[in-house]
Every structure is written in structure tokens, then in C-alpha cells.
C-alpha atoms as a PDB file:
ATOM      1  CA  MET A   1      28.176  42.105  31.020  1.00  0.00           C
ATOM      2  CA  THR A   2      29.342  43.810  34.328  1.00  0.00           C
ATOM      3  CA  PRO A   3      33.073  45.425  33.714  1.00  0.00           C
ATOM      4  CA  ILE A   4      35.009  43.519  36.135  1.00  0.00           C
ATOM      5  CA  GLU A   5      36.075  44.745  39.454  1.00  0.00           C
ATOM      6  CA  PRO A   6      40.420  45.672  39.370  1.00  0.00           C
ATOM      7  CA  HIS A   7      42.322  44.288  41.860  1.00  0.00           C
ATOM      8  CA  ALA A   8      44.868  47.476  43.354  1.00  0.00           C
ATOM      9  CA  ARG A   9      47.521  48.682  41.284  1.00  0.00           C
ATOM     10  CA  TRP A  10      50.437  47.757  43.324  1.00  0.00           C
ATOM     11  CA  VAL A  11      48.792  44.840  44.059  1.00  0.00           C
ATOM     12  CA  ARG A  12      49.284  44.324  39.945  1.00  0.00           C
ATOM     13  CA  ILE A  13      52.698  45.227  39.553  1.00  0.00           C
ATOM     14  CA  SER A  14      53.772  42.813  42.721  1.00  0.00           C
ATOM     15  CA  HIS A  15      51.406  39.812  41.176  1.00  0.00           C
ATOM     16  CA  ALA A  16      53.632  40.496  37.818  1.00  0.00           C
ATOM     17  CA  VAL A  17      57.085  40.354  39.517  1.00  0.00           C
ATOM     18  CA  ILE A  18      56.286  37.773  41.878  1.00  0.00           C
ATOM     19  CA  GLY A  19      54.844  35.487  38.639  1.00  0.00           C
ATOM     20  CA  VAL A  20      57.890  36.242  36.424  1.00  0.00           C
ATOM     21  CA  SER A  21      60.338  35.196  39.205  1.00  0.00           C
ATOM     22  CA  THR A  22      58.567  32.138  40.425  1.00  0.00           C
ATOM     23  CA  LEU A  23      59.090  30.770  36.897  1.00  0.00           C
ATOM     24  CA  VAL A  24      62.707  31.188  36.855  1.00  0.00           C
ATOM     25  CA  LEU A  25      63.261  30.080  40.732  1.00  0.00           C
ATOM     26  CA  ALA A  26      61.373  26.567  39.435  1.00  0.00           C
ATOM     27  CA  PHE A  27      63.255  26.731  36.380  1.00  0.00           C
ATOM     28  CA  SER A  28      67.146  27.381  38.147  1.00  0.00           C
ATOM     29  CA  GLY A  29      66.194  25.537  41.242  1.00  0.00           C
ATOM     30  CA  PHE A  30      65.255  22.397  39.163  1.00  0.00           C
ATOM     31  CA  VAL A  31      68.617  22.838  37.793  1.00  0.00           C
ATOM     32  CA  ILE A  32      70.727  22.844  41.376  1.00  0.00           C
ATOM     33  CA  LEU A  33      68.198  20.251  42.276  1.00  0.00           C
ATOM     34  CA  MET A  34      69.526  17.751  39.033  1.00  0.00           C
ATOM     35  CA  ALA A  35      73.035  18.045  40.277  1.00  0.00           C
ATOM     36  CA  HIS A  36      72.483  16.621  43.693  1.00  0.00           C
ATOM     37  CA  PRO A  37      68.449  15.024  43.181  1.00  0.00           C
ATOM     38  CA  ARG A  38      69.394  14.300  46.934  1.00  0.00           C
ATOM     39  CA  LEU A  39      67.729  16.069  50.262  1.00  0.00           C
ATOM     40  CA  TYR A  40      68.824  15.267  54.257  1.00  0.00           C
ATOM     41  CA  TRP A  41      67.878  16.649  57.540  1.00  0.00           C
ATOM     42  CA  GLY A  42      70.338  17.922  59.896  1.00  0.00           C
ATOM     43  CA  ILE A  43      73.932  20.150  59.666  1.00  0.00           C
ATOM     44  CA  ALA A  44      75.219  17.920  56.661  1.00  0.00           C
ATOM     45  CA  GLY A  45      75.007  15.432  53.921  1.00  0.00           C
ATOM     46  CA  ASN A  46      76.480  13.936  50.879  1.00  0.00           C
ATOM     47  CA  ASP A  47      76.312  10.602  48.312  1.00  0.00           C
ATOM     48  CA  LEU A  48      78.021   8.735  51.006  1.00  0.00           C
ATOM     49  CA  THR A  49      75.721   9.483  53.590  1.00  0.00           C
ATOM     50  CA  PRO A  50      71.822   7.897  53.901  1.00  0.00           C
ATOM     51  CA  ALA A  51      69.431  10.308  51.867  1.00  0.00           C
ATOM     52  CA  LEU A  52      66.164  11.587  53.787  1.00  0.00           C
ATOM     53  CA  ILE A  53      64.721  11.799  50.156  1.00  0.00           C
ATOM     54  CA  GLU A  54      65.466  10.934  46.805  1.00  0.00           C
ATOM     55  CA  LEU A  55      64.592  12.116  43.832  1.00  0.00           C
ATOM     56  CA  PRO A  56      64.812  10.428  40.248  1.00  0.00           C
ATOM     57  CA  ILE A  57      65.637  13.236  38.179  1.00  0.00           C
ATOM     58  CA  SER A  58      68.728  13.267  36.399  1.00  0.00           C
ATOM     59  CA  ARG A  59      71.543  10.825  35.772  1.00  0.00           C
ATOM     60  CA  ASN A  60      72.966  11.617  39.252  1.00  0.00           C
ATOM     61  CA  TYR A  61      70.272   9.407  40.533  1.00  0.00           C
ATOM     62  CA  LYS A  62      71.810   6.687  42.819  1.00  0.00           C
ATOM     63  CA  HIS A  63      74.174   6.230  40.251  1.00  0.00           C
ATOM     64  CA  ALA A  64      76.947   4.140  42.609  1.00  0.00           C
ATOM     65  CA  GLY A  65      79.637   5.892  40.961  1.00  0.00           C
ATOM     66  CA  TYR A  66      81.865   5.743  43.574  1.00  0.00           C
ATOM     67  CA  THR A  67      84.895   3.578  44.438  1.00  0.00           C
ATOM     68  CA  THR A  68      84.949   1.674  47.920  1.00  0.00           C
ATOM     69  CA  PRO A  69      84.725   4.646  50.769  1.00  0.00           C
ATOM     70  CA  THR A  70      87.627   4.297  52.270  1.00  0.00           C
ATOM     71  CA  PRO A  71      87.959   6.809  56.389  1.00  0.00           C
ATOM     72  CA  LEU A  72      89.870   9.730  56.295  1.00  0.00           C
ATOM     73  CA  THR A  73      90.870   9.355  59.631  1.00  0.00           C
ATOM     74  CA  GLY A  74      91.821   6.103  61.553  1.00  0.00           C
ATOM     75  CA  ASN A  75      88.282   5.691  62.660  1.00  0.00           C
ATOM     76  CA  PRO A  76      86.191   3.651  60.677  1.00  0.00           C
ATOM     77  CA  ASP A  77      82.727   5.672  61.761  1.00  0.00           C
ATOM     78  CA  GLY A  78      84.277   8.751  61.076  1.00  0.00           C
ATOM     79  CA  PRO A  79      83.951  11.013  57.747  1.00  0.00           C
ATOM     80  CA  MET A  80      84.765   9.067  54.559  1.00  0.00           C
ATOM     81  CA  SER A  81      86.182   9.556  51.276  1.00  0.00           C
ATOM     82  CA  ALA A  82      85.841   8.151  47.569  1.00  0.00           C
ATOM     83  CA  ASN A  83      86.451   8.486  44.096  1.00  0.00           C
ATOM     84  CA  ARG A  84      83.972   9.391  41.386  1.00  0.00           C
ATOM     85  CA  THR A  85      84.005   6.290  38.737  1.00  0.00           C
ATOM     86  CA  TYR A  86      81.579   8.398  36.345  1.00  0.00           C
ATOM     87  CA  ASP A  87      81.254  12.054  35.309  1.00  0.00           C
ATOM     88  CA  ILE A  88      78.499  12.862  36.716  1.00  0.00           C
ATOM     89  CA  PHE A  89      75.024  16.194  35.752  1.00  0.00           C
ATOM     90  CA  ASN A  90      76.798  18.951  37.092  1.00  0.00           C
ATOM     91  CA  GLU A  91      75.461  22.665  36.072  1.00  0.00           C
ATOM     92  CA  ASN A  92      75.769  24.168  39.526  1.00  0.00           C
ATOM     93  CA  GLY A  93      77.524  27.560  39.114  1.00  0.00           C
ATOM     94  CA  TRP A  94      74.894  29.191  37.188  1.00  0.00           C
ATOM     95  CA  GLY A  95      72.002  27.752  38.412  1.00  0.00           C
ATOM     96  CA  ARG A  96      72.915  28.273  41.939  1.00  0.00           C
ATOM     97  CA  SER A  97      73.708  32.736  41.009  1.00  0.00           C
ATOM     98  CA  LEU A  98      70.430  32.465  38.593  1.00  0.00           C
ATOM     99  CA  HIS A  99      68.408  31.771  41.808  1.00  0.00           C
ATOM    100  CA  PHE A 100      69.570  33.518  44.025  1.00  0.00           C
ATOM    101  CA  LEU A 101      69.852  36.377  41.886  1.00  0.00           C
ATOM    102  CA  THR A 102      65.985  35.785  40.842  1.00  0.00           C
ATOM    103  CA  ALA A 103      65.308  35.273  44.658  1.00  0.00           C
ATOM    104  CA  TRP A 104      65.426  38.825  45.494  1.00  0.00           C
ATOM    105  CA  PHE A 105      63.011  39.624  42.629  1.00  0.00           C
ATOM    106  CA  LEU A 106      60.232  37.577  44.437  1.00  0.00           C
ATOM    107  CA  ALA A 107      61.693  38.676  48.403  1.00  0.00           C
ATOM    108  CA  ILE A 108      61.225  42.495  47.612  1.00  0.00           C
ATOM    109  CA  PRO A 109      58.295  42.561  45.708  1.00  0.00           C
ATOM    110  CA  GLY A 110      56.682  39.723  48.094  1.00  0.00           C
ATOM    111  CA  LEU A 111      57.642  41.983  51.322  1.00  0.00           C
ATOM    112  CA  VAL A 112      56.161  45.232  49.546  1.00  0.00           C
ATOM    113  CA  TYR A 113      53.182  43.344  48.951  1.00  0.00           C
ATOM    114  CA  LEU A 114      52.879  42.531  52.469  1.00  0.00           C
ATOM    115  CA  LEU A 115      53.460  45.560  54.365  1.00  0.00           C
ATOM    116  CA  MET A 116      51.271  47.112  51.379  1.00  0.00           C
ATOM    117  CA  GLY A 117      48.530  44.613  52.434  1.00  0.00           C
ATOM    118  CA  LEU A 118      48.516  45.080  55.653  1.00  0.00           C
ATOM    119  CA  ALA A 119      48.884  49.106  56.018  1.00  0.00           C
ATOM    120  CA  ARG A 120      45.714  48.529  53.716  1.00  0.00           C
ATOM    121  CA  ARG A 121      44.222  46.106  55.378  1.00  0.00           C
ATOM    122  CA  HIS A 122      43.957  44.564  52.422  1.00  0.00           C
ATOM    123  CA  PHE A 123      44.131  40.610  53.914  1.00  0.00           C
ATOM    124  CA  SER A 124      41.524  41.972  56.987  1.00  0.00           C
ATOM    125  CA  SER A 125      39.127  43.177  54.181  1.00  0.00           C
ATOM    126  CA  TRP A 126      39.919  40.203  51.106  1.00  0.00           C
ATOM    127  CA  ILE A 127      42.410  37.010  52.279  1.00  0.00           C
ATOM    128  CA  TRP A 128      41.633  36.993  55.756  1.00  0.00           C
ATOM    129  CA  PRO A 129      38.191  34.306  56.699  1.00  0.00           C
ATOM    130  CA  THR A 130      35.561  34.966  58.698  1.00  0.00           C
ATOM    131  CA  ARG A 131      34.433  33.424  61.584  1.00  0.00           C
ATOM    132  CA  ASP A 132      31.019  32.305  59.889  1.00  0.00           C
ATOM    133  CA  GLU A 133      32.772  31.389  56.055  1.00  0.00           C
ATOM    134  CA  LEU A 134      35.623  29.190  58.181  1.00  0.00           C
ATOM    135  CA  SER A 135      32.352  26.819  60.023  1.00  0.00           C
ATOM    136  CA  ALA A 136      32.040  23.266  59.221  1.00  0.00           C
ATOM    137  CA  SER A 137      29.135  23.679  56.671  1.00  0.00           C
ATOM    138  CA  ASN A 138      30.570  26.903  54.278  1.00  0.00           C
ATOM    139  CA  ILE A 139      33.565  24.631  53.819  1.00  0.00           C
ATOM    140  CA  ARG A 140      32.102  21.827  53.295  1.00  0.00           C
ATOM    141  CA  ARG A 141      29.940  23.148  50.466  1.00  0.00           C
ATOM    142  CA  ASP A 142      32.778  25.161  48.907  1.00  0.00           C
ATOM    143  CA  LEU A 143      35.551  21.731  48.628  1.00  0.00           C
ATOM    144  CA  ALA A 144      31.847  20.574  46.777  1.00  0.00           C
ATOM    145  CA  ALA A 145      31.764  22.839  44.520  1.00  0.00           C
ATOM    146  CA  HIS A 146      35.779  22.507  43.489  1.00  0.00           C
ATOM    147  CA  VAL A 147      35.801  18.671  43.094  1.00  0.00           C
ATOM    148  CA  ARG A 148      32.384  19.301  41.390  1.00  0.00           C
ATOM    149  CA  LEU A 149      34.316  21.794  39.411  1.00  0.00           C
ATOM    150  CA  GLN A 150      31.510  24.594  39.898  1.00  0.00           C
ATOM    151  CA  ILE A 151      33.409  27.578  39.676  1.00  0.00           C
ATOM    152  CA  PRO A 152      31.250  31.175  39.825  1.00  0.00           C
ATOM    153  CA  PRO A 153      32.466  33.089  36.549  1.00  0.00           C
ATOM    154  CA  ALA A 154      34.781  35.878  37.384  1.00  0.00           C
ATOM    155  CA  SER A 155      34.278  39.478  39.082  1.00  0.00           C
ATOM    156  CA  GLY A 156      38.070  39.729  38.608  1.00  0.00           C
ATOM    157  CA  GLY A 157      38.596  41.204  41.477  1.00  0.00           C
ATOM    158  CA  PRO A 158      39.823  40.162  45.205  1.00  0.00           C
ATOM    159  CA  SER A 159      36.271  38.161  45.993  1.00  0.00           C
ATOM    160  CA  TYR A 160      37.276  35.026  47.046  1.00  0.00           C
ATOM    161  CA  GLY A 161      35.755  31.710  48.732  1.00  0.00           C
ATOM    162  CA  VAL A 162      36.909  30.166  51.835  1.00  0.00           C
ATOM    163  CA  LEU A 163      39.084  27.631  50.136  1.00  0.00           C
ATOM    164  CA  GLN A 164      40.447  30.334  47.948  1.00  0.00           C
ATOM    165  CA  LYS A 165      40.987  33.102  51.105  1.00  0.00           C
ATOM    166  CA  VAL A 166      42.960  29.863  53.642  1.00  0.00           C
ATOM    167  CA  SER A 167      44.688  28.690  50.480  1.00  0.00           C
ATOM    168  CA  TYR A 168      46.049  32.613  49.716  1.00  0.00           C
ATOM    169  CA  ALA A 169      46.926  33.417  53.638  1.00  0.00           C
ATOM    170  CA  LEU A 170      48.605  30.299  53.309  1.00  0.00           C
ATOM    171  CA  VAL A 171      51.156  30.992  50.824  1.00  0.00           C
ATOM    172  CA  ILE A 172      51.202  34.228  51.879  1.00  0.00           C
ATOM    173  CA  PHE A 173      51.429  34.110  55.941  1.00  0.00           C
ATOM    174  CA  VAL A 174      53.056  30.816  55.653  1.00  0.00           C
ATOM    175  CA  ALA A 175      54.720  29.083  51.930  1.00  0.00           C
ATOM    176  CA  ALA A 176      56.719  32.386  51.093  1.00  0.00           C
ATOM    177  CA  PRO A 177      58.199  33.181  54.044  1.00  0.00           C
ATOM    178  CA  LEU A 178      59.446  30.020  54.999  1.00  0.00           C
ATOM    179  CA  VAL A 179      60.887  29.537  50.804  1.00  0.00           C
ATOM    180  CA  THR A 180      62.141  33.357  52.000  1.00  0.00           C
ATOM    181  CA  LEU A 181      64.050  32.469  55.516  1.00  0.00           C
ATOM    182  CA  THR A 182      65.221  29.152  54.324  1.00  0.00           C
ATOM    183  CA  GLY A 183      66.592  30.113  50.509  1.00  0.00           C
ATOM    184  CA  LEU A 184      68.395  32.592  52.683  1.00  0.00           C
ATOM    185  CA  THR A 185      70.053  30.381  55.104  1.00  0.00           C
ATOM    186  CA  LEU A 186      71.597  28.360  52.492  1.00  0.00           C
ATOM    187  CA  SER A 187      74.210  31.378  51.463  1.00  0.00           C
ATOM    188  CA  PRO A 188      77.076  31.181  53.395  1.00  0.00           C
ATOM    189  CA  ALA A 189      77.462  35.111  52.831  1.00  0.00           C
ATOM    190  CA  VAL A 190      73.964  35.219  55.195  1.00  0.00           C
ATOM    191  CA  THR A 191      74.359  32.787  57.477  1.00  0.00           C
ATOM    192  CA  ALA A 192      77.464  34.304  58.355  1.00  0.00           C
ATOM    193  CA  ALA A 193      75.698  37.498  59.513  1.00  0.00           C
ATOM    194  CA  PHE A 194      73.218  35.665  60.495  1.00  0.00           C
ATOM    195  CA  PRO A 195      73.711  32.396  62.221  1.00  0.00           C
ATOM    196  CA  VAL A 196      70.325  32.023  64.588  1.00  0.00           C
ATOM    197  CA  LEU A 197      68.878  31.008  60.611  1.00  0.00           C
ATOM    198  CA  LEU A 198      71.040  27.634  60.982  1.00  0.00           C
ATOM    199  CA  THR A 199      69.955  27.126  64.437  1.00  0.00           C
ATOM    200  CA  MET A 200      66.027  28.350  63.862  1.00  0.00           C
ATOM    201  CA  PHE A 201      65.844  25.163  60.693  1.00  0.00           C
ATOM    202  CA  GLY A 202      68.797  23.029  62.250  1.00  0.00           C
ATOM    203  CA  GLY A 203      71.539  23.286  59.683  1.00  0.00           C
ATOM    204  CA  TYR A 204      72.002  23.568  56.311  1.00  0.00           C
ATOM    205  CA  GLN A 205      70.775  20.216  55.369  1.00  0.00           C
ATOM    206  CA  SER A 206      67.296  20.264  56.963  1.00  0.00           C
ATOM    207  CA  ALA A 207      66.782  24.123  55.359  1.00  0.00           C
ATOM    208  CA  ARG A 208      67.226  23.014  52.144  1.00  0.00           C
ATOM    209  CA  THR A 209      65.003  20.494  52.749  1.00  0.00           C
ATOM    210  CA  ILE A 210      62.150  22.366  54.126  1.00  0.00           C
ATOM    211  CA  HIS A 211      63.181  25.054  51.318  1.00  0.00           C
ATOM    212  CA  PHE A 212      62.147  21.990  48.630  1.00  0.00           C
ATOM    213  CA  VAL A 213      58.500  21.448  50.935  1.00  0.00           C
ATOM    214  CA  ALA A 214      57.559  24.222  50.686  1.00  0.00           C
ATOM    215  CA  PHE A 215      58.744  25.411  47.152  1.00  0.00           C
ATOM    216  CA  VAL A 216      56.684  22.580  45.972  1.00  0.00           C
ATOM    217  CA  MET A 217      53.830  23.822  47.837  1.00  0.00           C
ATOM    218  CA  LEU A 218      53.561  27.082  46.199  1.00  0.00           C
ATOM    219  CA  MET A 219      54.192  25.017  42.962  1.00  0.00           C
ATOM    220  CA  ALA A 220      51.108  22.686  43.610  1.00  0.00           C
ATOM    221  CA  PHE A 221      49.447  26.429  44.218  1.00  0.00           C
ATOM    222  CA  VAL A 222      50.219  28.026  41.243  1.00  0.00           C
ATOM    223  CA  LEU A 223      48.787  24.788  39.149  1.00  0.00           C
ATOM    224  CA  VAL A 224      45.522  25.163  41.342  1.00  0.00           C
ATOM    225  CA  HIS A 225      45.405  28.525  41.019  1.00  0.00           C
ATOM    226  CA  LEU A 226      46.169  28.667  36.875  1.00  0.00           C
ATOM    227  CA  MET A 227      43.484  26.297  36.852  1.00  0.00           C
ATOM    228  CA  MET A 228      40.868  28.016  38.988  1.00  0.00           C
ATOM    229  CA  VAL A 229      41.682  30.803  36.771  1.00  0.00           C
ATOM    230  CA  ALA A 230      40.512  28.921  33.192  1.00  0.00           C
ATOM    231  CA  LEU A 231      37.628  27.382  35.109  1.00  0.00           C
ATOM    232  CA  SER A 232      36.313  31.259  36.264  1.00  0.00           C
ATOM    233  CA  GLY A 233      36.356  33.126  33.279  1.00  0.00           C
ATOM    234  CA  PHE A 234      41.122  33.121  31.783  1.00  0.00           C
ATOM    235  CA  ARG A 235      40.040  36.423  29.772  1.00  0.00           C
ATOM    236  CA  ARG A 236      38.109  38.161  32.737  1.00  0.00           C
ATOM    237  CA  GLN A 237      40.620  37.382  35.329  1.00  0.00           C
ATOM    238  CA  LEU A 238      43.469  37.983  33.434  1.00  0.00           C
ATOM    239  CA  LEU A 239      41.993  41.295  32.209  1.00  0.00           C
ATOM    240  CA  GLY A 240      41.839  42.065  36.587  1.00  0.00           C
ATOM    241  CA  ILE A 241      44.780  41.441  37.545  1.00  0.00           C
ATOM    242  CA  THR A 242      46.805  42.923  34.262  1.00  0.00           C
ATOM    243  CA  LEU A 243      45.398  46.126  32.877  1.00  0.00           C
ATOM    244  CA  GLY A 244      42.783  46.024  36.011  1.00  0.00           C
ATOM    245  CA  GLY A 245      39.623  46.468  34.027  1.00  0.00           C
ATOM    246  CA  GLY A 246      37.081  45.314  31.141  1.00  0.00           C
ATOM    247  CA  ARG A 247      34.537  42.465  30.528  1.00  0.00           C
END
């Protein structure tokens, strides 16, 4: 069997750091979402306002555990107040701290990966699909092979099909920047210095919803990515992205 083609060292290092930080972010983000499993659109949102999406992931889901809301002012259509009638799940403190700390281990290596990839033409050489690769017949052929799980053995290096290139490009240039920017928007300290982020995403709640959707896209990519790694030769792929050599 021919030796695998290794990834560049900077790709392997950034891949390892980003991979570990993504797992920690998924765990801490899920804990944060359990504390308030409701997503809104706009500037503000709470348990007493309609949710855009409500997720059944903790005892806080559709609990209806509130006393009758009362207006804070004389206007019945204005702000409301109500008391909870049960103990909620709330591990928000350490979850947020861990999430925000770990985010830097994703954002900084991710930025280094992006800059190095641009400087060394890694993206134009290996990630960005060519016009011929984006032809309808080539996409159909690659899609049919993936649906039938006809995955060729791994070379270990960056030798990608058109669907891989498109998915990597979407992750690198769309989903990852979106997760990073919306995550920064959720920090009041950051938006105090850069209020343009709130304007860009339409408020804290819109940013939180976009952050969630983009991270779900990343998690879906990770799951499919791991499945493809297993089907194309797990040991050879692992050697290529970690030690950078072997058979």
C-alpha cells in the first residue's frame, strides 16, 4: 500500500486544537441552551414572549410555571412581570464562562488557519472547486457515489471530491465566521466596544438564533465528516491528520 499523503503541519495542529475546542463548545453550549431552550428574533425575548423555536431539552421546556403576568406599567401591552412557580434548571454561570473561554481556542486557531491558507494558497489549491468540478454531471456523479457510500480509499492528504470541497468551503468561509461573529455579539462587553455587531445581526436574540443555527450546521458537518473518515479508511485518515505519515 502506498504511503499516505500527509497534511501540512500547520493544518494538522490547527485541526487538532479546533477539533477539541469544538467538542467543548458543543457541550457547554448545550448546557446554556438547557437553561433557556427558547430562541427568538429581534432585540429582546424571555419566557413571557412568543418564541421562534422552543427545544424540548430540559425541564424548562414549555413549563408554563408562572403566575399570572401583570403589567409593569399602566399599559397592558407593555412590559410584563411574573413569578416562577417551580425550580428551573439553571447551570448558566459556569456554562457561559467555559463556552466563552473555549471560543477563543476556536477563533484564534481558526483565524491562523484562514490566514495561512490564504497566504500559502491552500484554499485555491485544495478547497475551492474549479469550474469543471462544479459541472452538473460531476456533482451528480459525486452525489450518487456518496449516497451509495462508494467512498474511495483515503490518500491521507487534501485530495477532495467536489462535494467535500463545497462543504469545506461553506464551513470555512460561511458557517465558522458566522458562529464566531454572532458569538462575539452575545457578549455585552464586545458589543459595547463594537455596537455595529448588534446592528449587523438585528439584536441579541437574532444573533443568538443565528449562532445556534450556524453551530447546528457545523455539528452536522462534523458528524458527516467523521462518517466519511470511517468509510474511507479511518486509520489512514487519522495518520494523515495527526502524525502526517504512515501507511
